[in-house]
Amino acid sequence: MTNRLAAATSPYLQQHAENPVDWWEWGPEAFEEARRRDVPVLLSVGYAACHWCQVLEAC
């Protein structure tokens, strides 16, 4: 399963392309979708998952 980040040009974003979260890149499309759905925008400032986070993500 891949999310929208699979098409990202950033290597950092691409490493989260297999993440089960439906991430959107920063941009007008993400804000437009949040407005349309009337949901908050949750911002990930970036992270590098530790080993155990990666293990849990794989479950």
PDB file of N, CA and C in Angstrom:
ATOM      1  N   MET A   1       0.847  -1.182   0.000  1.00  0.00           N
ATOM      2  CA  MET A   1       0.000   0.000   0.000  1.00  0.00           C
ATOM      3  C   MET A   1       0.887   1.239   0.000  1.00  0.00           C
ATOM      4  N   THR A   2       0.652   2.126  -0.916  1.00  0.00           N
ATOM      5  CA  THR A   2       1.395   3.385  -0.918  1.00  0.00           C
ATOM      6  C   THR A   2       0.418   4.542  -0.790  1.00  0.00           C
ATOM      7  N   ASN A   3       0.929   5.654  -0.339  1.00  0.00           N
ATOM      8  CA  ASN A   3       0.110   6.858  -0.219  1.00  0.00           C
ATOM      9  C   ASN A   3       0.599   7.896  -1.231  1.00  0.00           C
ATOM     10  N   ARG A   4       0.100   9.083  -1.133  1.00  0.00           N
ATOM     11  CA  ARG A   4       0.446  10.159  -2.083  1.00  0.00           C
ATOM     12  C   ARG A   4       1.932  10.505  -2.103  1.00  0.00           C
ATOM     13  N   LEU A   5       2.636  10.191  -1.055  1.00  0.00           N
ATOM     14  CA  LEU A   5       4.049  10.556  -0.993  1.00  0.00           C
ATOM     15  C   LEU A   5       4.912   9.725  -1.940  1.00  0.00           C
ATOM     16  N   ALA A   6       4.369   8.678  -2.514  1.00  0.00           N
ATOM     17  CA  ALA A   6       5.133   7.872  -3.472  1.00  0.00           C
ATOM     18  C   ALA A   6       5.552   8.711  -4.676  1.00  0.00           C
ATOM     19  N   ALA A   7       4.790   9.751  -4.988  1.00  0.00           N
ATOM     20  CA  ALA A   7       5.108  10.612  -6.133  1.00  0.00           C
ATOM     21  C   ALA A   7       5.912  11.845  -5.727  1.00  0.00           C
ATOM     22  N   ALA A   8       6.263  11.970  -4.464  1.00  0.00           N
ATOM     23  CA  ALA A   8       6.997  13.148  -3.985  1.00  0.00           C
ATOM     24  C   ALA A   8       8.413  13.174  -4.558  1.00  0.00           C
ATOM     25  N   THR A   9       8.942  14.362  -4.718  1.00  0.00           N
ATOM     26  CA  THR A   9      10.318  14.487  -5.207  1.00  0.00           C
ATOM     27  C   THR A   9      11.320  14.475  -4.056  1.00  0.00           C
ATOM     28  N   SER A  10      10.851  14.704  -2.844  1.00  0.00           N
ATOM     29  CA  SER A  10      11.723  14.738  -1.677  1.00  0.00           C
ATOM     30  C   SER A  10      12.043  13.318  -1.197  1.00  0.00           C
ATOM     31  N   PRO A  11      13.327  12.985  -1.060  1.00  0.00           N
ATOM     32  CA  PRO A  11      13.690  11.662  -0.535  1.00  0.00           C
ATOM     33  C   PRO A  11      13.133  11.439   0.872  1.00  0.00           C
ATOM     34  N   TYR A  12      13.080  12.501   1.679  1.00  0.00           N
ATOM     35  CA  TYR A  12      12.527  12.373   3.035  1.00  0.00           C
ATOM     36  C   TYR A  12      11.060  11.956   2.960  1.00  0.00           C
ATOM     37  N   LEU A  13      10.279  12.624   2.101  1.00  0.00           N
ATOM     38  CA  LEU A  13       8.864  12.279   1.993  1.00  0.00           C
ATOM     39  C   LEU A  13       8.688  10.883   1.400  1.00  0.00           C
ATOM     40  N   GLN A  14       9.504  10.528   0.436  1.00  0.00           N
ATOM     41  CA  GLN A  14       9.387   9.215  -0.192  1.00  0.00           C
ATOM     42  C   GLN A  14       9.606   8.076   0.799  1.00  0.00           C
ATOM     43  N   GLN A  15      10.422   8.302   1.819  1.00  0.00           N
ATOM     44  CA  GLN A  15      10.654   7.217   2.773  1.00  0.00           C
ATOM     45  C   GLN A  15       9.404   6.910   3.595  1.00  0.00           C
ATOM     46  N   HIS A  16       8.386   7.775   3.518  1.00  0.00           N
ATOM     47  CA  HIS A  16       7.123   7.534   4.230  1.00  0.00           C
ATOM     48  C   HIS A  16       5.992   7.149   3.277  1.00  0.00           C
ATOM     49  N   ALA A  17       6.340   6.818   2.047  1.00  0.00           N
ATOM     50  CA  ALA A  17       5.331   6.471   1.041  1.00  0.00           C
ATOM     51  C   ALA A  17       4.603   5.170   1.363  1.00  0.00           C
ATOM     52  N   GLU A  18       5.214   4.297   2.133  1.00  0.00           N
ATOM     53  CA  GLU A  18       4.576   3.029   2.504  1.00  0.00           C
ATOM     54  C   GLU A  18       3.853   3.134   3.846  1.00  0.00           C
ATOM     55  N   ASN A  19       3.880   4.297   4.440  1.00  0.00           N
ATOM     56  CA  ASN A  19       3.232   4.521   5.733  1.00  0.00           C
ATOM     57  C   ASN A  19       1.721   4.388   5.571  1.00  0.00           C
ATOM     58  N   PRO A  20       1.019   3.776   6.530  1.00  0.00           N
ATOM     59  CA  PRO A  20      -0.430   3.608   6.396  1.00  0.00           C
ATOM     60  C   PRO A  20      -1.227   4.904   6.567  1.00  0.00           C
ATOM     61  N   VAL A  21      -0.571   5.992   6.903  1.00  0.00           N
ATOM     62  CA  VAL A  21      -1.252   7.281   7.034  1.00  0.00           C
ATOM     63  C   VAL A  21      -1.430   7.886   5.638  1.00  0.00           C
ATOM     64  N   ASP A  22      -2.565   8.488   5.397  1.00  0.00           N
ATOM     65  CA  ASP A  22      -2.847   9.109   4.098  1.00  0.00           C
ATOM     66  C   ASP A  22      -2.244  10.517   4.062  1.00  0.00           C
ATOM     67  N   TRP A  23      -0.913  10.586   4.023  1.00  0.00           N
ATOM     68  CA  TRP A  23      -0.210  11.872   4.038  1.00  0.00           C
ATOM     69  C   TRP A  23      -0.435  12.639   2.749  1.00  0.00           C
ATOM     70  N   TRP A  24      -0.467  13.948   2.878  1.00  0.00           N
ATOM     71  CA  TRP A  24      -0.488  14.856   1.723  1.00  0.00           C
ATOM     72  C   TRP A  24       0.742  15.742   1.840  1.00  0.00           C
ATOM     73  N   GLU A  25       1.322  16.095   0.711  1.00  0.00           N
ATOM     74  CA  GLU A  25       2.404  17.083   0.735  1.00  0.00           C
ATOM     75  C   GLU A  25       1.809  18.446   1.064  1.00  0.00           C
ATOM     76  N   TRP A  26       2.633  19.317   1.621  1.00  0.00           N
ATOM     77  CA  TRP A  26       2.218  20.686   1.932  1.00  0.00           C
ATOM     78  C   TRP A  26       1.858  21.385   0.637  1.00  0.00           C
ATOM     79  N   GLY A  27       0.693  21.959   0.577  1.00  0.00           N
ATOM     80  CA  GLY A  27       0.310  22.681  -0.624  1.00  0.00           C
ATOM     81  C   GLY A  27      -1.168  22.998  -0.632  1.00  0.00           C
ATOM     82  N   PRO A  28      -1.598  23.777  -1.595  1.00  0.00           N
ATOM     83  CA  PRO A  28      -2.990  24.221  -1.644  1.00  0.00           C
ATOM     84  C   PRO A  28      -3.989  23.074  -1.741  1.00  0.00           C
ATOM     85  N   GLU A  29      -3.596  21.983  -2.407  1.00  0.00           N
ATOM     86  CA  GLU A  29      -4.519  20.854  -2.550  1.00  0.00           C
ATOM     87  C   GLU A  29      -4.869  20.255  -1.192  1.00  0.00           C
ATOM     88  N   ALA A  30      -3.882  20.147  -0.314  1.00  0.00           N
ATOM     89  CA  ALA A  30      -4.125  19.575   1.012  1.00  0.00           C
ATOM     90  C   ALA A  30      -5.080  20.460   1.811  1.00  0.00           C
ATOM     91  N   PHE A  31      -4.879  21.765   1.747  1.00  0.00           N
ATOM     92  CA  PHE A  31      -5.742  22.677   2.490  1.00  0.00           C
ATOM     93  C   PHE A  31      -7.148  22.728   1.890  1.00  0.00           C
ATOM     94  N   GLU A  32      -7.213  22.632   0.582  1.00  0.00           N
ATOM     95  CA  GLU A  32      -8.511  22.618  -0.084  1.00  0.00           C
ATOM     96  C   GLU A  32      -9.313  21.379   0.330  1.00  0.00           C
ATOM     97  N   GLU A  33      -8.650  20.242   0.380  1.00  0.00           N
ATOM     98  CA  GLU A  33      -9.318  18.999   0.796  1.00  0.00           C
ATOM     99  C   GLU A  33      -9.763  19.067   2.253  1.00  0.00           C
ATOM    100  N   ALA A  34      -8.931  19.631   3.105  1.00  0.00           N
ATOM    101  CA  ALA A  34      -9.308  19.773   4.518  1.00  0.00           C
ATOM    102  C   ALA A  34     -10.522  20.690   4.657  1.00  0.00           C
ATOM    103  N   ARG A  35     -10.544  21.774   3.908  1.00  0.00           N
ATOM    104  CA  ARG A  35     -11.706  22.669   3.938  1.00  0.00           C
ATOM    105  C   ARG A  35     -12.962  21.951   3.433  1.00  0.00           C
ATOM    106  N   ARG A  36     -12.808  21.217   2.332  1.00  0.00           N
ATOM    107  CA  ARG A  36     -13.941  20.512   1.747  1.00  0.00           C
ATOM    108  C   ARG A  36     -14.531  19.494   2.727  1.00  0.00           C
ATOM    109  N   ARG A  37     -13.641  18.788   3.441  1.00  0.00           N
ATOM    110  CA  ARG A  37     -14.092  17.768   4.388  1.00  0.00           C
ATOM    111  C   ARG A  37     -14.372  18.329   5.778  1.00  0.00           C
ATOM    112  N   ASP A  38     -14.034  19.603   5.987  1.00  0.00           N
ATOM    113  CA  ASP A  38     -14.197  20.255   7.285  1.00  0.00           C
ATOM    114  C   ASP A  38     -13.459  19.494   8.393  1.00  0.00           C
ATOM    115  N   VAL A  39     -12.187  19.224   8.126  1.00  0.00           N
ATOM    116  CA  VAL A  39     -11.333  18.523   9.088  1.00  0.00           C
ATOM    117  C   VAL A  39     -10.080  19.358   9.336  1.00  0.00           C
ATOM    118  N   PRO A  40      -9.441  19.188  10.487  1.00  0.00           N
ATOM    119  CA  PRO A  40      -8.217  19.943  10.760  1.00  0.00           C
ATOM    120  C   PRO A  40      -7.051  19.406   9.935  1.00  0.00           C
ATOM    121  N   VAL A  41      -6.066  20.241   9.753  1.00  0.00           N
ATOM    122  CA  VAL A  41      -4.815  19.845   9.109  1.00  0.00           C
ATOM    123  C   VAL A  41      -3.844  19.469  10.218  1.00  0.00           C
ATOM    124  N   LEU A  42      -3.369  18.238  10.184  1.00  0.00           N
ATOM    125  CA  LEU A  42      -2.369  17.786  11.145  1.00  0.00           C
ATOM    126  C   LEU A  42      -1.025  17.846  10.446  1.00  0.00           C
ATOM    127  N   LEU A  43      -0.108  18.564  11.010  1.00  0.00           N
ATOM    128  CA  LEU A  43       1.178  18.813  10.369  1.00  0.00           C
ATOM    129  C   LEU A  43       2.260  17.942  10.987  1.00  0.00           C
ATOM    130  N   SER A  44       2.935  17.183  10.154  1.00  0.00           N
ATOM    131  CA  SER A  44       4.104  16.430  10.605  1.00  0.00           C
ATOM    132  C   SER A  44       5.319  17.266  10.245  1.00  0.00           C
ATOM    133  N   VAL A  45       6.033  17.703  11.239  1.00  0.00           N
ATOM    134  CA  VAL A  45       7.194  18.554  11.018  1.00  0.00           C
ATOM    135  C   VAL A  45       8.385  17.709  10.576  1.00  0.00           C
ATOM    136  N   GLY A  46       8.211  16.438  10.611  1.00  0.00           N
ATOM    137  CA  GLY A  46       9.250  15.521  10.174  1.00  0.00           C
ATOM    138  C   GLY A  46       9.721  14.658  11.324  1.00  0.00           C
ATOM    139  N   TYR A  47      10.021  13.451  10.989  1.00  0.00           N
ATOM    140  CA  TYR A  47      10.548  12.552  11.998  1.00  0.00           C
ATOM    141  C   TYR A  47      11.322  11.440  11.311  1.00  0.00           C
ATOM    142  N   ALA A  48      12.220  10.886  12.030  1.00  0.00           N
ATOM    143  CA  ALA A  48      12.901   9.680  11.590  1.00  0.00           C
ATOM    144  C   ALA A  48      12.537   8.625  12.622  1.00  0.00           C
ATOM    145  N   ALA A  49      11.859   7.605  12.194  1.00  0.00           N
ATOM    146  CA  ALA A  49      11.361   6.601  13.126  1.00  0.00           C
ATOM    147  C   ALA A  49      12.506   5.767  13.696  1.00  0.00           C
ATOM    148  N   CYS A  50      12.405   5.498  14.981  1.00  0.00           N
ATOM    149  CA  CYS A  50      13.380   4.625  15.616  1.00  0.00           C
ATOM    150  C   CYS A  50      13.095   3.179  15.196  1.00  0.00           C
ATOM    151  N   HIS A  51      13.951   2.300  15.550  1.00  0.00           N
ATOM    152  CA  HIS A  51      13.794   0.892  15.168  1.00  0.00           C
ATOM    153  C   HIS A  51      12.455   0.332  15.618  1.00  0.00           C
ATOM    154  N   TRP A  52      12.079   0.575  16.869  1.00  0.00           N
ATOM    155  CA  TRP A  52      10.847  -0.020  17.386  1.00  0.00           C
ATOM    156  C   TRP A  52       9.611   0.613  16.755  1.00  0.00           C
ATOM    157  N   CYS A  53       9.668   1.872  16.400  1.00  0.00           N
ATOM    158  CA  CYS A  53       8.552   2.489  15.674  1.00  0.00           C
ATOM    159  C   CYS A  53       8.389   1.830  14.313  1.00  0.00           C
ATOM    160  N   GLN A  54       9.502   1.534  13.672  1.00  0.00           N
ATOM    161  CA  GLN A  54       9.437   0.865  12.373  1.00  0.00           C
ATOM    162  C   GLN A  54       8.885  -0.543  12.509  1.00  0.00           C
ATOM    163  N   VAL A  55       9.264  -1.230  13.582  1.00  0.00           N
ATOM    164  CA  VAL A  55       8.742  -2.573  13.829  1.00  0.00           C
ATOM    165  C   VAL A  55       7.229  -2.511  14.032  1.00  0.00           C
ATOM    166  N   LEU A  56       6.760  -1.558  14.846  1.00  0.00           N
ATOM    167  CA  LEU A  56       5.328  -1.430  15.104  1.00  0.00           C
ATOM    168  C   LEU A  56       4.566  -1.026  13.850  1.00  0.00           C
ATOM    169  N   GLU A  57       5.168  -0.191  13.030  1.00  0.00           N
ATOM    170  CA  GLU A  57       4.510   0.235  11.794  1.00  0.00           C
ATOM    171  C   GLU A  57       4.292  -0.951  10.869  1.00  0.00           C
ATOM    172  N   ALA A  58       5.185  -1.919  10.907  1.00  0.00           N
ATOM    173  CA  ALA A  58       5.092  -3.082  10.034  1.00  0.00           C
ATOM    174  C   ALA A  58       4.002  -4.063  10.471  1.00  0.00           C
ATOM    175  N   CYS A  59       3.511  -3.905  11.680  1.00  0.00           N
ATOM    176  CA  CYS A  59       2.467  -4.832  12.185  1.00  0.00           C
ATOM    177  C   CYS A  59       1.139  -4.618  11.513  1.00  0.00           C
TER     178      CYS A  59
END
